[in-house]
Each structure stands twice: as C-alpha cells, then as structure tokens.
C-alpha cells in the first residue's frame, strides 16, 4: 500500500509539472509560483506521510447497528404482579452500551460490545443474591433473527443498587460476499423478560432501579 500510494503521488506531481513547464512567459510567474508550492506540498506529503491509525483501515464498511430492544431494556419483578414501588422484588436496566467491529475483504464481521447494567434490590427482595438473564441476538436489518444466545448475570447486593459491566466478544457474522456491509445487520440486547414485563416496558411505565426508597407519588 505504501508503494502504491507513493506511485500515485508521483503521478500527481508529474501531471502538475507539465503546464508549469510549458508556460514560461513572465505573465505566468504567479501561476508558476503557485504550481511550485503545490509540488512542494505534494512532495512533503510523499516523504513525510504519517502512519494511518490501524483501526481506521480495518473495516470494509460500516459496523452493524447495536442497540437495546426497548421492550426488554428493563427488568421489573413485582410481588404478586401488583405494580407499585413498594412491591418491587428486583429491578434492572441496561444503562449503557458501546460496541466496535472489524472486517475486511470477504472476512466475516467480528463484533465486540460492552454493556452497563444498573441493578436494584427492592423492598420485597428475598435475599442479597439474584441471577439475571439477558440475551444477545443478531438479526438482518429490520427482519428475522439469525442467532440468539442467553447469558446469566449473577449479582450479590451489598446495597440496594449495584452497577455491573459486561463485555461480550467473539460475535461473528458471516458475509455473503465483498459487497455485504455491516449495515445489513443489527445486534440487539435485552433482559429475558416475561410477557407482563415486556408490556410494562412497552407502555412506558418505569420505576427507578433500587426502588427500596421510592419518591412520593411513585
């Protein structure tokens, strides 16, 4: 690549020299001076070209879109199914999500991601330990699920609220050909929720993580 880049720059310089050399009349002095400046700038770029950062060269296209599924972004477990801050057993929310990917040529897309969970123990909790369950799914954009995997997240509560970071690596998405970009795929994450929890989330209802000390009116 460096050799090719040098050859291309040399070609630009050669082409640029032709009009300047062909026109030597005094009235073209300013134009020649500008041409010389361009030649010098091109030469400096050729011999002082900084190394491009590798991450910028890894991908043949955009990364898959990574997001939290709204219906499964929060986990609220109520005693007896009664929806109030005073009946919360355990709660959780995916509060942060970051990701990166790499692929080139016809290689598969490799995705890594990091999630920040905010987890709470409510007033009706039965103990200081809880194992949450969440999933990661790969889909074609706005279409069907290609693959889905579940993960357990065991938590010990030293207080009513804890923050936990989870890293997932090794998500591999095959590509049909060179033209298949990451924009064709989505990576979705969410808690393993019951239909009632999903409906609660879908309706836009919410209680704070760590609902053991609710505000008035909640």
C-alpha atoms as a PDB file:
ATOM      1  CA  UNK A   1       0.000   0.000   0.000  1.00  0.00           C
ATOM      2  CA  UNK A   2       2.788   2.447   0.805  1.00  0.00           C
ATOM      3  CA  UNK A   3       4.443   1.739  -2.556  1.00  0.00           C
ATOM      4  CA  UNK A   4       1.175   2.261  -4.410  1.00  0.00           C
ATOM      5  CA  UNK A   5       0.489   5.484  -2.528  1.00  0.00           C
ATOM      6  CA  UNK A   6       3.929   6.800  -3.432  1.00  0.00           C
ATOM      7  CA  UNK A   7       3.392   5.951  -7.105  1.00  0.00           C
ATOM      8  CA  UNK A   8       0.064   7.776  -7.147  1.00  0.00           C
ATOM      9  CA  UNK A   9       1.547  10.862  -5.575  1.00  0.00           C
ATOM     10  CA  UNK A  10       4.421  10.809  -8.064  1.00  0.00           C
ATOM     11  CA  UNK A  11       1.867  10.681 -10.882  1.00  0.00           C
ATOM     12  CA  UNK A  12       0.095  13.732  -9.489  1.00  0.00           C
ATOM     13  CA  UNK A  13       3.378  15.622  -9.330  1.00  0.00           C
ATOM     14  CA  UNK A  14       4.312  14.688 -12.912  1.00  0.00           C
ATOM     15  CA  UNK A  15       0.938  15.780 -14.271  1.00  0.00           C
ATOM     16  CA  UNK A  16       1.088  19.006 -12.336  1.00  0.00           C
ATOM     17  CA  UNK A  17       4.538  19.878 -13.679  1.00  0.00           C
ATOM     18  CA  UNK A  18       3.536  19.820 -17.343  1.00  0.00           C
ATOM     19  CA  UNK A  19       1.520  23.066 -17.557  1.00  0.00           C
ATOM     20  CA  UNK A  20       4.012  24.946 -15.403  1.00  0.00           C
ATOM     21  CA  UNK A  21       6.997  23.944 -17.558  1.00  0.00           C
ATOM     22  CA  UNK A  22       5.142  24.565 -20.830  1.00  0.00           C
ATOM     23  CA  UNK A  23       4.292  28.161 -19.927  1.00  0.00           C
ATOM     24  CA  UNK A  24       7.370  30.257 -19.118  1.00  0.00           C
ATOM     25  CA  UNK A  25       6.059  33.693 -20.079  1.00  0.00           C
ATOM     26  CA  UNK A  26       6.520  36.453 -17.449  1.00  0.00           C
ATOM     27  CA  UNK A  27       2.779  36.951 -17.066  1.00  0.00           C
ATOM     28  CA  UNK A  28       2.556  33.364 -15.818  1.00  0.00           C
ATOM     29  CA  UNK A  29       5.029  33.882 -12.965  1.00  0.00           C
ATOM     30  CA  UNK A  30       2.327  33.906 -10.319  1.00  0.00           C
ATOM     31  CA  UNK A  31       0.796  30.734 -11.704  1.00  0.00           C
ATOM     32  CA  UNK A  32       4.196  29.017 -11.733  1.00  0.00           C
ATOM     33  CA  UNK A  33       4.818  30.081  -8.139  1.00  0.00           C
ATOM     34  CA  UNK A  34       1.505  28.537  -7.090  1.00  0.00           C
ATOM     35  CA  UNK A  35       2.357  25.381  -9.003  1.00  0.00           C
ATOM     36  CA  UNK A  36       5.727  25.124  -7.269  1.00  0.00           C
ATOM     37  CA  UNK A  37       4.005  25.472  -3.923  1.00  0.00           C
ATOM     38  CA  UNK A  38       1.634  22.650  -4.813  1.00  0.00           C
ATOM     39  CA  UNK A  39       4.549  20.482  -5.925  1.00  0.00           C
ATOM     40  CA  UNK A  40       6.385  21.112  -2.657  1.00  0.00           C
ATOM     41  CA  UNK A  41       3.295  20.284  -0.647  1.00  0.00           C
ATOM     42  CA  UNK A  42       2.791  17.038  -2.581  1.00  0.00           C
ATOM     43  CA  UNK A  43       6.463  16.119  -2.109  1.00  0.00           C
ATOM     44  CA  UNK A  44       6.224  16.778   1.617  1.00  0.00           C
ATOM     45  CA  UNK A  45       3.178  14.568   1.834  1.00  0.00           C
ATOM     46  CA  UNK A  46       5.014  11.818  -0.013  1.00  0.00           C
ATOM     47  CA  UNK A  47       8.117  11.788   2.167  1.00  0.00           C
ATOM     48  CA  UNK A  48       6.525  12.729   5.487  1.00  0.00           C
ATOM     49  CA  UNK A  49       3.347  10.687   5.259  1.00  0.00           C
ATOM     50  CA  UNK A  50       2.319   9.756   8.830  1.00  0.00           C
ATOM     51  CA  UNK A  51       1.266   6.222   9.580  1.00  0.00           C
ATOM     52  CA  UNK A  52      -2.528   5.952   9.364  1.00  0.00           C
ATOM     53  CA  UNK A  53      -4.147   4.570  12.537  1.00  0.00           C
ATOM     54  CA  UNK A  54      -4.914   0.893  12.046  1.00  0.00           C
ATOM     55  CA  UNK A  55      -8.475   0.977  13.376  1.00  0.00           C
ATOM     56  CA  UNK A  56      -9.454   3.323  10.557  1.00  0.00           C
ATOM     57  CA  UNK A  57      -8.290   0.757   7.992  1.00  0.00           C
ATOM     58  CA  UNK A  58      -9.834  -2.374   9.441  1.00  0.00           C
ATOM     59  CA  UNK A  59     -13.359  -2.160   8.145  1.00  0.00           C
ATOM     60  CA  UNK A  60     -14.582  -2.602   4.608  1.00  0.00           C
ATOM     61  CA  UNK A  61     -17.749  -0.718   5.577  1.00  0.00           C
ATOM     62  CA  UNK A  62     -19.922   0.405   8.498  1.00  0.00           C
ATOM     63  CA  UNK A  63     -20.468  -1.661  11.629  1.00  0.00           C
ATOM     64  CA  UNK A  64     -23.777  -3.360  12.440  1.00  0.00           C
ATOM     65  CA  UNK A  65     -26.227  -1.211  14.366  1.00  0.00           C
ATOM     66  CA  UNK A  66     -26.104  -2.250  18.044  1.00  0.00           C
ATOM     67  CA  UNK A  67     -28.993  -1.307  20.318  1.00  0.00           C
ATOM     68  CA  UNK A  68     -31.090  -2.285  23.333  1.00  0.00           C
ATOM     69  CA  UNK A  69     -34.516  -3.674  22.464  1.00  0.00           C
ATOM     70  CA  UNK A  70     -36.973  -1.291  24.112  1.00  0.00           C
ATOM     71  CA  UNK A  71     -39.387  -3.971  25.308  1.00  0.00           C
ATOM     72  CA  UNK A  72     -36.552  -5.819  27.071  1.00  0.00           C
ATOM     73  CA  UNK A  73     -34.318  -2.946  28.180  1.00  0.00           C
ATOM     74  CA  UNK A  74     -35.607  -3.039  31.775  1.00  0.00           C
ATOM     75  CA  UNK A  75     -36.388  -5.816  34.230  1.00  0.00           C
ATOM     76  CA  UNK A  76     -39.014  -5.135  36.920  1.00  0.00           C
ATOM     77  CA  UNK A  77     -40.163  -8.014  39.104  1.00  0.00           C
ATOM     78  CA  UNK A  78     -43.239  -7.311  41.266  1.00  0.00           C
ATOM     79  CA  UNK A  79     -44.630  -9.274  44.205  1.00  0.00           C
ATOM     80  CA  UNK A  80     -47.987 -10.751  43.250  1.00  0.00           C
ATOM     81  CA  UNK A  81     -47.973  -8.885  39.950  1.00  0.00           C
ATOM     82  CA  UNK A  82     -49.003  -5.626  41.688  1.00  0.00           C
ATOM     83  CA  UNK A  83     -47.269  -2.677  40.015  1.00  0.00           C
ATOM     84  CA  UNK A  84     -46.038  -0.297  42.690  1.00  0.00           C
ATOM     85  CA  UNK A  85     -42.693   0.816  44.075  1.00  0.00           C
ATOM     86  CA  UNK A  86     -43.478  -0.934  47.337  1.00  0.00           C
ATOM     87  CA  UNK A  87     -43.932  -4.329  45.672  1.00  0.00           C
ATOM     88  CA  UNK A  88     -40.704  -4.378  43.649  1.00  0.00           C
ATOM     89  CA  UNK A  89     -38.619  -7.502  44.268  1.00  0.00           C
ATOM     90  CA  UNK A  90     -35.706  -6.962  41.883  1.00  0.00           C
ATOM     91  CA  UNK A  91     -35.140  -4.492  39.075  1.00  0.00           C
ATOM     92  CA  UNK A  92     -32.599  -3.872  36.342  1.00  0.00           C
ATOM     93  CA  UNK A  93     -31.867  -1.603  33.422  1.00  0.00           C
ATOM     94  CA  UNK A  94     -29.309  -1.606  30.609  1.00  0.00           C
ATOM     95  CA  UNK A  95     -27.969   1.916  31.104  1.00  0.00           C
ATOM     96  CA  UNK A  96     -25.074   1.993  28.670  1.00  0.00           C
ATOM     97  CA  UNK A  97     -23.997   0.225  25.510  1.00  0.00           C
ATOM     98  CA  UNK A  98     -20.885   0.611  23.372  1.00  0.00           C
ATOM     99  CA  UNK A  99     -19.564  -1.542  20.568  1.00  0.00           C
ATOM    100  CA  UNK A 100     -16.949  -1.937  17.871  1.00  0.00           C
ATOM    101  CA  UNK A 101     -16.388  -4.179  14.880  1.00  0.00           C
ATOM    102  CA  UNK A 102     -13.790  -5.158  12.307  1.00  0.00           C
ATOM    103  CA  UNK A 103     -13.875  -6.815   8.887  1.00  0.00           C
ATOM    104  CA  UNK A 104     -12.110  -6.578   5.555  1.00  0.00           C
ATOM    105  CA  UNK A 105     -12.134  -8.263   2.139  1.00  0.00           C
ATOM    106  CA  UNK A 106     -14.621 -11.141   2.341  1.00  0.00           C
ATOM    107  CA  UNK A 107     -13.977 -11.924   6.012  1.00  0.00           C
ATOM    108  CA  UNK A 108     -16.893 -12.204   8.468  1.00  0.00           C
ATOM    109  CA  UNK A 109     -17.775  -9.264  10.714  1.00  0.00           C
ATOM    110  CA  UNK A 110     -16.440  -9.547  14.255  1.00  0.00           C
ATOM    111  CA  UNK A 111     -18.305  -7.510  16.857  1.00  0.00           C
ATOM    112  CA  UNK A 112     -17.393  -6.767  20.469  1.00  0.00           C
ATOM    113  CA  UNK A 113     -19.567  -4.868  22.901  1.00  0.00           C
ATOM    114  CA  UNK A 114     -19.693  -3.582  26.459  1.00  0.00           C
ATOM    115  CA  UNK A 115     -22.876  -3.138  28.484  1.00  0.00           C
ATOM    116  CA  UNK A 116     -23.508  -1.256  31.717  1.00  0.00           C
ATOM    117  CA  UNK A 117     -26.235  -2.732  33.913  1.00  0.00           C
ATOM    118  CA  UNK A 118     -27.901  -0.871  36.753  1.00  0.00           C
ATOM    119  CA  UNK A 119     -29.437  -3.477  39.080  1.00  0.00           C
ATOM    120  CA  UNK A 120     -31.638  -2.956  42.122  1.00  0.00           C
ATOM    121  CA  UNK A 121     -32.951  -4.831  45.136  1.00  0.00           C
ATOM    122  CA  UNK A 122     -36.485  -3.742  46.017  1.00  0.00           C
ATOM    123  CA  UNK A 123     -38.333  -3.756  49.351  1.00  0.00           C
ATOM    124  CA  UNK A 124     -39.771  -7.212  48.648  1.00  0.00           C
ATOM    125  CA  UNK A 125     -36.450  -8.859  47.769  1.00  0.00           C
ATOM    126  CA  UNK A 126     -35.993 -12.298  49.256  1.00  0.00           C
ATOM    127  CA  UNK A 127     -32.206 -12.172  49.537  1.00  0.00           C
ATOM    128  CA  UNK A 128     -28.953 -10.421  48.609  1.00  0.00           C
ATOM    129  CA  UNK A 129     -28.290 -12.551  45.550  1.00  0.00           C
ATOM    130  CA  UNK A 130     -30.032 -12.577  42.194  1.00  0.00           C
ATOM    131  CA  UNK A 131     -29.122 -14.119  38.846  1.00  0.00           C
ATOM    132  CA  UNK A 132     -30.383 -12.001  35.983  1.00  0.00           C
ATOM    133  CA  UNK A 133     -30.619 -13.425  32.495  1.00  0.00           C
ATOM    134  CA  UNK A 134     -30.071 -11.460  29.311  1.00  0.00           C
ATOM    135  CA  UNK A 135     -29.636 -12.241  25.638  1.00  0.00           C
ATOM    136  CA  UNK A 136     -27.742 -11.040  22.567  1.00  0.00           C
ATOM    137  CA  UNK A 137     -29.292 -11.541  19.127  1.00  0.00           C
ATOM    138  CA  UNK A 138     -28.018 -10.938  15.591  1.00  0.00           C
ATOM    139  CA  UNK A 139     -30.644 -10.044  13.004  1.00  0.00           C
ATOM    140  CA  UNK A 140     -30.781  -8.952   9.414  1.00  0.00           C
ATOM    141  CA  UNK A 141     -31.759  -5.283   9.445  1.00  0.00           C
ATOM    142  CA  UNK A 142     -35.423  -4.978  10.470  1.00  0.00           C
ATOM    143  CA  UNK A 143     -36.023  -8.634   9.593  1.00  0.00           C
ATOM    144  CA  UNK A 144     -35.511 -12.082  11.120  1.00  0.00           C
ATOM    145  CA  UNK A 145     -33.192 -13.324  13.860  1.00  0.00           C
ATOM    146  CA  UNK A 146     -30.070 -15.098  12.604  1.00  0.00           C
ATOM    147  CA  UNK A 147     -28.782 -16.197  16.014  1.00  0.00           C
ATOM    148  CA  UNK A 148     -29.591 -15.603  19.679  1.00  0.00           C
ATOM    149  CA  UNK A 149     -27.669 -16.542  22.818  1.00  0.00           C
ATOM    150  CA  UNK A 150     -28.564 -16.234  26.517  1.00  0.00           C
ATOM    151  CA  UNK A 151     -26.206 -15.249  29.342  1.00  0.00           C
ATOM    152  CA  UNK A 152     -26.518 -15.429  33.125  1.00  0.00           C
ATOM    153  CA  UNK A 153     -25.524 -12.451  35.250  1.00  0.00           C
ATOM    154  CA  UNK A 154     -25.190 -13.411  38.945  1.00  0.00           C
ATOM    155  CA  UNK A 155     -25.217 -10.425  41.316  1.00  0.00           C
ATOM    156  CA  UNK A 156     -24.562 -10.003  45.026  1.00  0.00           C
ATOM    157  CA  UNK A 157     -26.131  -6.882  46.505  1.00  0.00           C
ATOM    158  CA  UNK A 158     -24.033  -5.066  49.090  1.00  0.00           C
ATOM    159  CA  UNK A 159     -26.560  -2.237  48.880  1.00  0.00           C
ATOM    160  CA  UNK A 160     -29.906  -1.660  47.227  1.00  0.00           C
ATOM    161  CA  UNK A 161     -28.234  -0.722  43.939  1.00  0.00           C
ATOM    162  CA  UNK A 162     -25.208  -2.055  42.067  1.00  0.00           C
ATOM    163  CA  UNK A 163     -23.621  -1.297  38.708  1.00  0.00           C
ATOM    164  CA  UNK A 164     -22.154  -4.140  36.646  1.00  0.00           C
ATOM    165  CA  UNK A 165     -20.224  -4.021  33.374  1.00  0.00           C
ATOM    166  CA  UNK A 166     -20.395  -6.963  30.985  1.00  0.00           C
ATOM    167  CA  UNK A 167     -18.134  -7.433  27.957  1.00  0.00           C
ATOM    168  CA  UNK A 168     -19.112  -9.653  25.051  1.00  0.00           C
ATOM    169  CA  UNK A 169     -16.548 -10.575  22.415  1.00  0.00           C
ATOM    170  CA  UNK A 170     -16.453 -13.049  19.580  1.00  0.00           C
ATOM    171  CA  UNK A 171     -19.752 -12.191  17.904  1.00  0.00           C
ATOM    172  CA  UNK A 172     -19.096 -13.385  14.330  1.00  0.00           C
ATOM    173  CA  UNK A 173     -21.445 -12.502  11.464  1.00  0.00           C
ATOM    174  CA  UNK A 174     -20.749 -14.260   8.131  1.00  0.00           C
ATOM    175  CA  UNK A 175     -20.969 -12.166   4.951  1.00  0.00           C
ATOM    176  CA  UNK A 176     -22.317 -13.426   1.646  1.00  0.00           C
ATOM    177  CA  UNK A 177     -19.746 -11.512  -0.417  1.00  0.00           C
ATOM    178  CA  UNK A 178     -17.493  -8.453  -0.536  1.00  0.00           C
ATOM    179  CA  UNK A 179     -20.445  -6.113  -1.050  1.00  0.00           C
ATOM    180  CA  UNK A 180     -22.214  -7.242   2.131  1.00  0.00           C
ATOM    181  CA  UNK A 181     -21.603  -4.497   4.709  1.00  0.00           C
ATOM    182  CA  UNK A 182     -22.298  -4.347   8.412  1.00  0.00           C
ATOM    183  CA  UNK A 183     -25.210  -2.002   7.717  1.00  0.00           C
ATOM    184  CA  UNK A 184     -27.234  -5.077   6.703  1.00  0.00           C
ATOM    185  CA  UNK A 185     -27.243  -6.390  10.289  1.00  0.00           C
ATOM    186  CA  UNK A 186     -28.346  -5.419  13.786  1.00  0.00           C
ATOM    187  CA  UNK A 187     -27.134  -6.694  17.144  1.00  0.00           C
ATOM    188  CA  UNK A 188     -29.887  -6.467  19.771  1.00  0.00           C
ATOM    189  CA  UNK A 189     -29.574  -6.961  23.531  1.00  0.00           C
ATOM    190  CA  UNK A 190     -32.152  -7.230  26.290  1.00  0.00           C
ATOM    191  CA  UNK A 191     -33.202  -8.904  29.520  1.00  0.00           C
ATOM    192  CA  UNK A 192     -35.022 -12.221  29.429  1.00  0.00           C
ATOM    193  CA  UNK A 193     -38.395 -10.771  30.452  1.00  0.00           C
ATOM    194  CA  UNK A 194     -41.870 -12.209  30.892  1.00  0.00           C
ATOM    195  CA  UNK A 195     -44.718 -11.055  28.637  1.00  0.00           C
ATOM    196  CA  UNK A 196     -46.003  -8.931  31.546  1.00  0.00           C
ATOM    197  CA  UNK A 197     -42.603  -7.240  31.934  1.00  0.00           C
ATOM    198  CA  UNK A 198     -42.419  -6.583  28.191  1.00  0.00           C
ATOM    199  CA  UNK A 199     -45.868  -4.977  28.266  1.00  0.00           C
ATOM    200  CA  UNK A 200     -44.866  -2.856  31.269  1.00  0.00           C
ATOM    201  CA  UNK A 201     -41.855  -1.584  29.315  1.00  0.00           C
ATOM    202  CA  UNK A 202     -43.832  -1.103  26.126  1.00  0.00           C
ATOM    203  CA  UNK A 203     -46.376   1.066  27.961  1.00  0.00           C
ATOM    204  CA  UNK A 204     -43.575   3.375  29.063  1.00  0.00           C
ATOM    205  CA  UNK A 205     -44.028   2.658  32.773  1.00  0.00           C
ATOM    206  CA  UNK A 206     -40.966   2.721  34.943  1.00  0.00           C
ATOM    207  CA  UNK A 207     -39.653   2.637  38.495  1.00  0.00           C
ATOM    208  CA  UNK A 208     -36.160   3.612  39.482  1.00  0.00           C
ATOM    209  CA  UNK A 209     -33.536   0.921  39.850  1.00  0.00           C
ATOM    210  CA  UNK A 210     -33.180   0.427  43.600  1.00  0.00           C
ATOM    211  CA  UNK A 211     -36.812   1.126  44.337  1.00  0.00           C
ATOM    212  CA  UNK A 212     -36.395   0.471  48.031  1.00  0.00           C
ATOM    213  CA  UNK A 213     -36.614   4.188  48.681  1.00  0.00           C
ATOM    214  CA  UNK A 214     -39.284   5.450  46.290  1.00  0.00           C
ATOM    215  CA  UNK A 215     -40.247   9.089  45.924  1.00  0.00           C
ATOM    216  CA  UNK A 216     -43.696  10.203  46.912  1.00  0.00           C
ATOM    217  CA  UNK A 217     -46.204   9.639  44.175  1.00  0.00           C
ATOM    218  CA  UNK A 218     -44.463   6.642  42.612  1.00  0.00           C
END
